[in-house]
C-alpha atoms as a PDB file:
ATOM      1  CA  MET A   1      -0.254  -0.086   0.366  1.00  0.00           C
ATOM      2  CA  GLY A   2       1.127   3.619  -0.815  1.00  0.00           C
ATOM      3  CA  GLN A   3       1.865   6.601   1.418  1.00  0.00           C
ATOM      4  CA  LEU A   4      -1.117   7.393   3.135  1.00  0.00           C
ATOM      5  CA  ARG A   5      -3.026  11.114   3.174  1.00  0.00           C
ATOM      6  CA  TRP A   6      -5.657  12.733   5.073  1.00  0.00           C
ATOM      7  CA  LEU A   7      -9.248  13.651   2.975  1.00  0.00           C
ATOM      8  CA  VAL A   8     -10.498  16.612   4.954  1.00  0.00           C
ATOM      9  CA  LYS A   9     -13.172  18.996   4.101  1.00  0.00           C
ATOM     10  CA  ILE A  10     -13.455  22.519   4.559  1.00  0.00           C
ATOM     11  CA  SER A  11     -16.691  24.879   4.515  1.00  0.00           C
ATOM     12  CA  TYR A  12     -16.134  28.593   4.141  1.00  0.00           C
ATOM     13  CA  LYS A  13     -18.419  31.376   2.770  1.00  0.00           C
ATOM     14  CA  SER A  14     -20.739  28.727   2.035  1.00  0.00           C
ATOM     15  CA  ARG A  15     -18.845  26.814  -0.427  1.00  0.00           C
ATOM     16  CA  GLU A  16     -17.425  23.278   0.226  1.00  0.00           C
ATOM     17  CA  PHE A  17     -13.625  22.280  -0.718  1.00  0.00           C
ATOM     18  CA  SER A  18     -11.976  19.103  -0.877  1.00  0.00           C
ATOM     19  CA  VAL A  19      -8.403  19.295   0.753  1.00  0.00           C
ATOM     20  CA  TYR A  20      -5.411  16.710   1.431  1.00  0.00           C
ATOM     21  CA  THR A  21      -2.466  16.724   3.461  1.00  0.00           C
ATOM     22  CA  ALA A  22       0.057  13.853   2.787  1.00  0.00           C
ATOM     23  CA  ALA A  23       0.873  11.825   5.899  1.00  0.00           C
ATOM     24  CA  THR A  24       4.165  13.515   6.991  1.00  0.00           C
ATOM     25  CA  LEU A  25       7.284  10.882   6.485  1.00  0.00           C
ATOM     26  CA  SER A  26      10.936  10.932   8.320  1.00  0.00           C
ATOM     27  CA  LEU A  27      13.475  12.904   6.675  1.00  0.00           C
ATOM     28  CA  PRO A  28      16.100  10.266   5.503  1.00  0.00           C
ATOM     29  CA  GLN A  29      19.671  10.167   7.343  1.00  0.00           C
ATOM     30  CA  PRO A  30      22.316  11.017   4.927  1.00  0.00           C
ATOM     31  CA  ASP A  31      25.366   8.221   3.692  1.00  0.00           C
ATOM     32  CA  HIS A  32      27.392   7.463   6.549  1.00  0.00           C
ATOM     33  CA  GLY A  33      30.050   7.549   3.738  1.00  0.00           C
ATOM     34  CA  VAL A  34      29.430  10.906   2.809  1.00  0.00           C
ATOM     35  CA  LEU A  35      28.608  12.081   6.283  1.00  0.00           C
ATOM     36  CA  ARG A  36      32.377  10.915   7.080  1.00  0.00           C
ATOM     37  CA  LYS A  37      34.001  12.695   4.595  1.00  0.00           C
ATOM     38  CA  ALA A  38      32.191  16.038   5.029  1.00  0.00           C
ATOM     39  CA  GLN A  39      33.258  15.352   8.691  1.00  0.00           C
ATOM     40  CA  ARG A  40      36.951  15.180   7.300  1.00  0.00           C
ATOM     41  CA  GLY A  41      36.002  18.986   5.615  1.00  0.00           C
ATOM     42  CA  ASP A  42      35.677  16.955   2.030  1.00  0.00           C
ATOM     43  CA  GLU A  43      33.289  20.374   0.603  1.00  0.00           C
ATOM     44  CA  ARG A  44      32.031  17.998  -2.272  1.00  0.00           C
ATOM     45  CA  ALA A  45      30.460  15.832   0.448  1.00  0.00           C
ATOM     46  CA  PHE A  46      29.055  18.288   2.424  1.00  0.00           C
ATOM     47  CA  SER A  47      27.486  20.075  -0.424  1.00  0.00           C
ATOM     48  CA  ILE A  48      25.762  16.628  -1.020  1.00  0.00           C
ATOM     49  CA  ILE A  49      24.206  17.198   2.715  1.00  0.00           C
ATOM     50  CA  VAL A  50      23.347  20.448   2.022  1.00  0.00           C
ATOM     51  CA  ARG A  51      21.662  19.872  -1.025  1.00  0.00           C
ATOM     52  CA  ALA A  52      19.481  17.125   0.598  1.00  0.00           C
ATOM     53  CA  TYR A  53      18.518  19.132   3.241  1.00  0.00           C
ATOM     54  CA  GLN A  54      18.298  22.915   2.659  1.00  0.00           C
ATOM     55  CA  ILE A  55      14.902  23.158   1.232  1.00  0.00           C
ATOM     56  CA  PRO A  56      13.265  21.643   4.478  1.00  0.00           C
ATOM     57  CA  VAL A  57      15.552  23.874   7.235  1.00  0.00           C
ATOM     58  CA  TYR A  58      14.608  26.924   4.471  1.00  0.00           C
ATOM     59  CA  ASN A  59      10.684  26.045   4.849  1.00  0.00           C
ATOM     60  CA  TYR A  60      11.131  25.543   8.646  1.00  0.00           C
ATOM     61  CA  VAL A  61      12.847  29.124   9.109  1.00  0.00           C
ATOM     62  CA  LEU A  62      11.032  30.893   6.754  1.00  0.00           C
ATOM     63  CA  ARG A  63       7.348  30.254   8.933  1.00  0.00           C
ATOM     64  CA  MET A  64       9.566  31.240  12.042  1.00  0.00           C
ATOM     65  CA  VAL A  65      10.809  34.503  10.790  1.00  0.00           C
ATOM     66  CA  GLY A  66       8.280  35.701   8.273  1.00  0.00           C
ATOM     67  CA  ASP A  67      10.486  37.218   6.182  1.00  0.00           C
ATOM     68  CA  ARG A  68      12.282  35.495   3.110  1.00  0.00           C
ATOM     69  CA  SER A  69      15.156  37.161   2.735  1.00  0.00           C
ATOM     70  CA  LEU A  70      16.083  36.408   6.464  1.00  0.00           C
ATOM     71  CA  ALA A  71      15.470  32.704   6.147  1.00  0.00           C
ATOM     72  CA  GLU A  72      17.671  32.527   3.018  1.00  0.00           C
ATOM     73  CA  ASP A  73      20.373  34.439   5.365  1.00  0.00           C
ATOM     74  CA  LEU A  74      19.627  32.281   8.304  1.00  0.00           C
ATOM     75  CA  THR A  75      19.423  28.988   6.890  1.00  0.00           C
ATOM     76  CA  GLN A  76      23.325  29.899   5.024  1.00  0.00           C
ATOM     77  CA  GLU A  77      24.621  30.730   8.298  1.00  0.00           C
ATOM     78  CA  VAL A  78      22.660  27.117  10.082  1.00  0.00           C
ATOM     79  CA  PHE A  79      24.708  25.247   7.508  1.00  0.00           C
ATOM     80  CA  LEU A  80      28.055  27.184   8.440  1.00  0.00           C
ATOM     81  CA  ARG A  81      27.280  25.794  11.775  1.00  0.00           C
ATOM     82  CA  VAL A  82      26.400  22.487  10.476  1.00  0.00           C
ATOM     83  CA  TYR A  83      29.760  22.381   8.736  1.00  0.00           C
ATOM     84  CA  GLN A  84      31.722  24.105  11.522  1.00  0.00           C
ATOM     85  CA  GLY A  85      30.439  21.498  14.028  1.00  0.00           C
ATOM     86  CA  LEU A  86      30.291  18.287  11.836  1.00  0.00           C
ATOM     87  CA  PRO A  87      33.787  17.076  13.314  1.00  0.00           C
ATOM     88  CA  ARG A  88      32.232  16.728  16.519  1.00  0.00           C
ATOM     89  CA  PHE A  89      29.182  15.209  15.775  1.00  0.00           C
ATOM     90  CA  SER A  90      28.536  11.542  16.820  1.00  0.00           C
ATOM     91  CA  LEU A  91      27.584   8.763  14.060  1.00  0.00           C
ATOM     92  CA  ARG A  92      25.855   7.348  17.241  1.00  0.00           C
ATOM     93  CA  SER A  93      23.174  10.177  16.858  1.00  0.00           C
ATOM     94  CA  LYS A  94      20.559  10.883  13.956  1.00  0.00           C
ATOM     95  CA  PHE A  95      21.929  13.777  11.780  1.00  0.00           C
ATOM     96  CA  THR A  96      18.340  15.283  11.107  1.00  0.00           C
ATOM     97  CA  THR A  97      17.846  15.749  15.092  1.00  0.00           C
ATOM     98  CA  TRP A  98      21.097  17.372  15.501  1.00  0.00           C
ATOM     99  CA  MET A  99      20.608  19.645  12.175  1.00  0.00           C
ATOM    100  CA  PHE A 100      17.567  21.234  13.775  1.00  0.00           C
ATOM    101  CA  GLN A 101      18.802  21.518  17.394  1.00  0.00           C
ATOM    102  CA  VAL A 102      21.673  24.005  15.347  1.00  0.00           C
ATOM    103  CA  THR A 103      18.670  25.493  13.359  1.00  0.00           C
ATOM    104  CA  LYS A 104      16.636  25.771  16.421  1.00  0.00           C
ATOM    105  CA  ASN A 105      19.169  27.391  18.397  1.00  0.00           C
ATOM    106  CA  ARG A 106      19.949  29.994  15.514  1.00  0.00           C
ATOM    107  CA  VAL A 107      16.196  30.675  14.832  1.00  0.00           C
ATOM    108  CA  LEU A 108      15.777  31.488  18.976  1.00  0.00           C
ATOM    109  CA  ASP A 109      19.170  33.381  18.784  1.00  0.00           C
ATOM    110  CA  GLU A 110      17.363  35.909  15.837  1.00  0.00           C
ATOM    111  CA  LEU A 111      14.100  35.984  17.573  1.00  0.00           C
ATOM    112  CA  ARG A 112      15.210  37.201  20.434  1.00  0.00           C
ATOM    113  CA  ALA A 113      17.106  40.026  18.615  1.00  0.00           C
ATOM    114  CA  THR A 114      14.534  41.035  16.754  1.00  0.00           C
ATOM    115  CA  GLU A 115      11.643  40.420  18.832  1.00  0.00           C
ATOM    116  CA  ARG A 116      10.620  44.369  19.105  1.00  0.00           C
ATOM    117  CA  ARG A 117      11.160  45.049  15.505  1.00  0.00           C
ATOM    118  CA  PRO A 118       7.702  43.995  13.620  1.00  0.00           C
ATOM    119  CA  ARG A 119       8.143  41.272  11.273  1.00  0.00           C
ATOM    120  CA  ALA A 120       7.186  41.384   7.457  1.00  0.00           C
ATOM    121  CA  VAL A 121       3.962  39.628   6.330  1.00  0.00           C
ATOM    122  CA  VAL A 122       5.048  36.095   4.153  1.00  0.00           C
ATOM    123  CA  ASP A 123       3.139  36.744   0.491  1.00  0.00           C
ATOM    124  CA  LEU A 124       1.549  33.435  -0.598  1.00  0.00           C
ATOM    125  CA  ASP A 125       4.146  33.063  -3.556  1.00  0.00           C
ATOM    126  CA  ASP A 126       7.190  32.495  -1.048  1.00  0.00           C
ATOM    127  CA  ILE A 127       5.150  29.167   0.471  1.00  0.00           C
ATOM    128  CA  PRO A 128       7.151  26.650  -1.145  1.00  0.00           C
ATOM    129  CA  PRO A 129       4.973  23.514   0.293  1.00  0.00           C
ATOM    130  CA  LEU A 130       1.607  24.487  -1.180  1.00  0.00           C
ATOM    131  CA  GLU A 131       0.425  23.592  -4.800  1.00  0.00           C
ATOM    132  CA  VAL A 132      -2.567  25.292  -5.591  1.00  0.00           C
ATOM    133  CA  VAL A 133      -4.122  24.383  -9.070  1.00  0.00           C
ATOM    134  CA  ASP A 134      -6.983  26.365 -10.787  1.00  0.00           C
ATOM    135  CA  ALA A 135      -8.002  27.212  -6.956  1.00  0.00           C
ATOM    136  CA  PRO A 136     -10.720  29.366  -6.485  1.00  0.00           C
ATOM    137  CA  PHE A 137     -10.515  32.588  -4.600  1.00  0.00           C
ATOM    138  CA  GLU A 138     -12.050  31.126  -1.334  1.00  0.00           C
ATOM    139  CA  ARG A 139      -9.900  28.791  -1.273  1.00  0.00           C
ATOM    140  CA  LEU A 140      -6.836  30.604  -1.413  1.00  0.00           C
ATOM    141  CA  GLU A 141      -8.555  32.554   1.389  1.00  0.00           C
ATOM    142  CA  ALA A 142      -8.798  29.687   3.298  1.00  0.00           C
ATOM    143  CA  ILE A 143      -5.067  28.181   2.893  1.00  0.00           C
ATOM    144  CA  ASP A 144      -3.901  31.721   3.522  1.00  0.00           C
ATOM    145  CA  ALA A 145      -5.975  31.708   7.039  1.00  0.00           C
ATOM    146  CA  VAL A 146      -4.185  28.563   7.919  1.00  0.00           C
ATOM    147  CA  TRP A 147      -0.842  30.213   7.700  1.00  0.00           C
ATOM    148  CA  ARG A 148      -1.756  33.450   9.736  1.00  0.00           C
ATOM    149  CA  ALA A 149      -3.289  31.226  12.332  1.00  0.00           C
ATOM    150  CA  VAL A 150       0.232  29.532  12.296  1.00  0.00           C
ATOM    151  CA  GLU A 151       2.003  32.784  12.254  1.00  0.00           C
ATOM    152  CA  ARG A 152      -0.186  33.545  15.648  1.00  0.00           C
ATOM    153  CA  LEU A 153       1.416  30.959  17.539  1.00  0.00           C
ATOM    154  CA  ASN A 154       3.826  31.389  19.951  1.00  0.00           C
ATOM    155  CA  VAL A 155       6.731  30.213  19.549  1.00  0.00           C
ATOM    156  CA  ASP A 156       7.192  26.580  21.085  1.00  0.00           C
ATOM    157  CA  LEU A 157       4.071  25.825  19.907  1.00  0.00           C
ATOM    158  CA  LYS A 158       4.832  27.060  16.524  1.00  0.00           C
ATOM    159  CA  MET A 159       8.507  25.011  16.466  1.00  0.00           C
ATOM    160  CA  ALA A 160       7.086  21.465  17.548  1.00  0.00           C
ATOM    161  CA  LEU A 161       4.263  22.403  14.612  1.00  0.00           C
ATOM    162  CA  LEU A 162       6.447  22.765  12.117  1.00  0.00           C
ATOM    163  CA  LEU A 163       9.074  20.433  12.742  1.00  0.00           C
ATOM    164  CA  ARG A 164       5.669  17.828  12.419  1.00  0.00           C
ATOM    165  CA  ASP A 165       3.897  18.815   9.934  1.00  0.00           C
ATOM    166  CA  VAL A 166       6.086  20.966   7.366  1.00  0.00           C
ATOM    167  CA  VAL A 167       9.389  19.291   8.314  1.00  0.00           C
ATOM    168  CA  GLY A 168       8.509  15.719   8.433  1.00  0.00           C
ATOM    169  CA  LEU A 169      10.405  14.373  11.726  1.00  0.00           C
ATOM    170  CA  SER A 170       8.555  12.090  14.083  1.00  0.00           C
ATOM    171  CA  TYR A 171       7.754  12.869  17.705  1.00  0.00           C
ATOM    172  CA  THR A 172      10.758  11.689  19.542  1.00  0.00           C
ATOM    173  CA  GLU A 173      13.227  13.544  16.997  1.00  0.00           C
ATOM    174  CA  ILE A 174      11.266  16.554  17.888  1.00  0.00           C
ATOM    175  CA  ALA A 175      11.787  15.775  21.242  1.00  0.00           C
ATOM    176  CA  ASP A 176      15.538  15.237  20.721  1.00  0.00           C
ATOM    177  CA  SER A 177      15.821  18.301  18.303  1.00  0.00           C
ATOM    178  CA  LEU A 178      13.564  20.861  20.768  1.00  0.00           C
ATOM    179  CA  GLU A 179      15.660  18.904  23.545  1.00  0.00           C
ATOM    180  CA  VAL A 180      12.032  18.650  25.664  1.00  0.00           C
ATOM    181  CA  THR A 181      10.404  15.777  26.695  1.00  0.00           C
ATOM    182  CA  LEU A 182       7.953  13.519  24.326  1.00  0.00           C
ATOM    183  CA  ALA A 183       5.196  14.316  26.480  1.00  0.00           C
ATOM    184  CA  THR A 184       6.009  17.784  25.890  1.00  0.00           C
ATOM    185  CA  VAL A 185       5.831  17.363  22.027  1.00  0.00           C
ATOM    186  CA  LYS A 186       2.636  15.706  22.092  1.00  0.00           C
ATOM    187  CA  TRP A 187       0.871  18.277  24.212  1.00  0.00           C
ATOM    188  CA  ARG A 188       2.583  21.523  22.007  1.00  0.00           C
ATOM    189  CA  ILE A 189       1.582  19.732  18.867  1.00  0.00           C
ATOM    190  CA  TRP A 190      -2.014  19.108  20.257  1.00  0.00           C
ATOM    191  CA  LYS A 191      -2.351  22.702  21.384  1.00  0.00           C
ATOM    192  CA  ALA A 192      -1.110  24.017  17.901  1.00  0.00           C
ATOM    193  CA  ARG A 193      -3.448  22.276  16.158  1.00  0.00           C
ATOM    194  CA  GLU A 194      -6.362  23.105  18.230  1.00  0.00           C
ATOM    195  CA  ASP A 195      -5.515  26.610  18.532  1.00  0.00           C
ATOM    196  CA  VAL A 196      -5.234  26.682  14.790  1.00  0.00           C
ATOM    197  CA  GLN A 197      -8.578  25.328  14.074  1.00  0.00           C
ATOM    198  CA  LEU A 198     -10.224  27.509  16.971  1.00  0.00           C
ATOM    199  CA  ALA A 199      -8.580  30.663  14.649  1.00  0.00           C
ATOM    200  CA  LEU A 200     -10.103  29.039  11.152  1.00  0.00           C
ATOM    201  CA  ALA A 201     -13.206  29.050  13.267  1.00  0.00           C
ATOM    202  CA  ARG A 202     -13.392  32.231  14.293  1.00  0.00           C
ATOM    203  CA  GLU A 203     -12.805  33.345  10.704  1.00  0.00           C
ATOM    204  CA  GLY A 204     -16.196  31.333   9.294  1.00  0.00           C
ATOM    205  CA  ILE A 205     -13.960  28.488   8.404  1.00  0.00           C
ATOM    206  CA  GLU A 206     -14.764  25.060   9.263  1.00  0.00           C
ATOM    207  CA  ILE A 207     -13.265  21.782   9.188  1.00  0.00           C
ATOM    208  CA  PHE A 208     -14.878  18.586   8.818  1.00  0.00           C
ATOM    209  CA  GLU A 209     -14.735  15.057   7.650  1.00  0.00           C
ATOM    210  CA  GLU A 210     -11.786  13.618   7.961  1.00  0.00           C
ATOM    211  CA  ARG A 211     -10.791  10.247   6.682  1.00  0.00           C
ATOM    212  CA  GLU A 212      -7.619   8.219   5.354  1.00  0.00           C
ATOM    213  CA  ILE A 213      -6.877   7.043   2.202  1.00  0.00           C
ATOM    214  CA  PRO A 214      -3.866   5.617   0.338  1.00  0.00           C
ATOM    215  CA  THR A 215      -2.257   7.488  -2.121  1.00  0.00           C
ATOM    216  CA  VAL A 216      -1.895   4.901  -4.553  1.00  0.00           C
ATOM    217  CA  ALA A 217      -5.942   4.773  -4.909  1.00  0.00           C
ATOM    218  CA  ALA A 218      -6.684   8.076  -4.307  1.00  0.00           C
ATOM    219  CA  THR A 219      -8.226   8.669  -7.742  1.00  0.00           C
ATOM    220  CA  ALA A 220     -10.837   5.781  -7.178  1.00  0.00           C
ATOM    221  CA  VAL A 221     -11.507   6.671  -3.696  1.00  0.00           C
ATOM    222  CA  ALA A 222     -11.932  10.627  -3.997  1.00  0.00           C
ATOM    223  CA  PRO A 223     -15.202  11.741  -5.439  1.00  0.00           C
ATOM    224  CA  PRO A 224     -15.305  13.870  -8.034  1.00  0.00           C
ATOM    225  CA  GLY A 225     -14.944  17.661  -7.404  1.00  0.00           C
ATOM    226  CA  PRO A 226     -12.680  20.714  -7.519  1.00  0.00           C
ATOM    227  CA  THR A 227      -8.763  20.032  -7.619  1.00  0.00           C
ATOM    228  CA  LEU A 228      -7.087  18.361  -4.818  1.00  0.00           C
ATOM    229  CA  VAL A 229      -4.931  21.022  -2.625  1.00  0.00           C
ATOM    230  CA  PRO A 230      -2.425  19.844  -0.530  1.00  0.00           C
ATOM    231  CA  VAL A 231      -2.793  22.034   3.114  1.00  0.00           C
ATOM    232  CA  PRO A 232      -0.810  21.096   5.957  1.00  0.00           C
ATOM    233  CA  VAL A 233      -1.915  21.159   9.527  1.00  0.00           C
ATOM    234  CA  LEU A 234      -5.593  21.060   9.052  1.00  0.00           C
ATOM    235  CA  ALA A 235      -6.528  17.589  10.737  1.00  0.00           C
ATOM    236  CA  PRO A 236      -8.347  18.367  13.730  1.00  0.00           C
ATOM    237  CA  PRO A 237      -6.211  17.772  16.831  1.00  0.00           C
ATOM    238  CA  ALA A 238      -6.522  14.568  18.924  1.00  0.00           C
ATOM    239  CA  LEU A 239      -5.924  14.647  22.245  1.00  0.00           C
ATOM    240  CA  PRO A 240      -2.269  13.589  22.839  1.00  0.00           C
ATOM    241  CA  ALA A 241      -1.223  10.089  24.126  1.00  0.00           C
ATOM    242  CA  ALA A 242      -0.752   9.893  28.015  1.00  0.00           C
END
């Protein structure tokens, strides 16, 4: 069976739209041979690592700082720090977990330095994860509302949610990256999803009818209607496991 995804319907301005969110997959770990070469200072090996992870790191940073140019600069700084820290990295650890620890620390440094300055608003055109085809204006508004709700989350909730629903880390990987307990991660993600859903409800956007379908059978299962659009963080929150 292929990758699972959530089929969700949202109701907005008396119209219903079918959307889906692909099930999150853990980021693959780099080849150990490439990683060892990069640890010894091999720039070609390190460039392979950068190409493999620069998009998820950039997407995460962009959502945290809300400015495209700043996100590009911070992403470069993150990989510079990764390069400088690689000789001390233990191959017994997960590289992606450590890389997002580095990312988290750089983002937090930036947020602390700029917390009193207004941040630029991210345009829809600057959102790489979204792919909208023949979407009516109401659907664009609904998607934009999702990201506005995410933007208003506090830093702790936003970090956990984005690492899960945008980057695709597992709960355990997120706990290691954020250096908090697994229970804390589960609560933060549950709380973030709940806050996003409540914010959407205040804008008249209702989320309902959730079901899981296999990607390989999506065409056969999905009812005819408007083009499906990938939208992250739309699944209604479930209470975190004890």
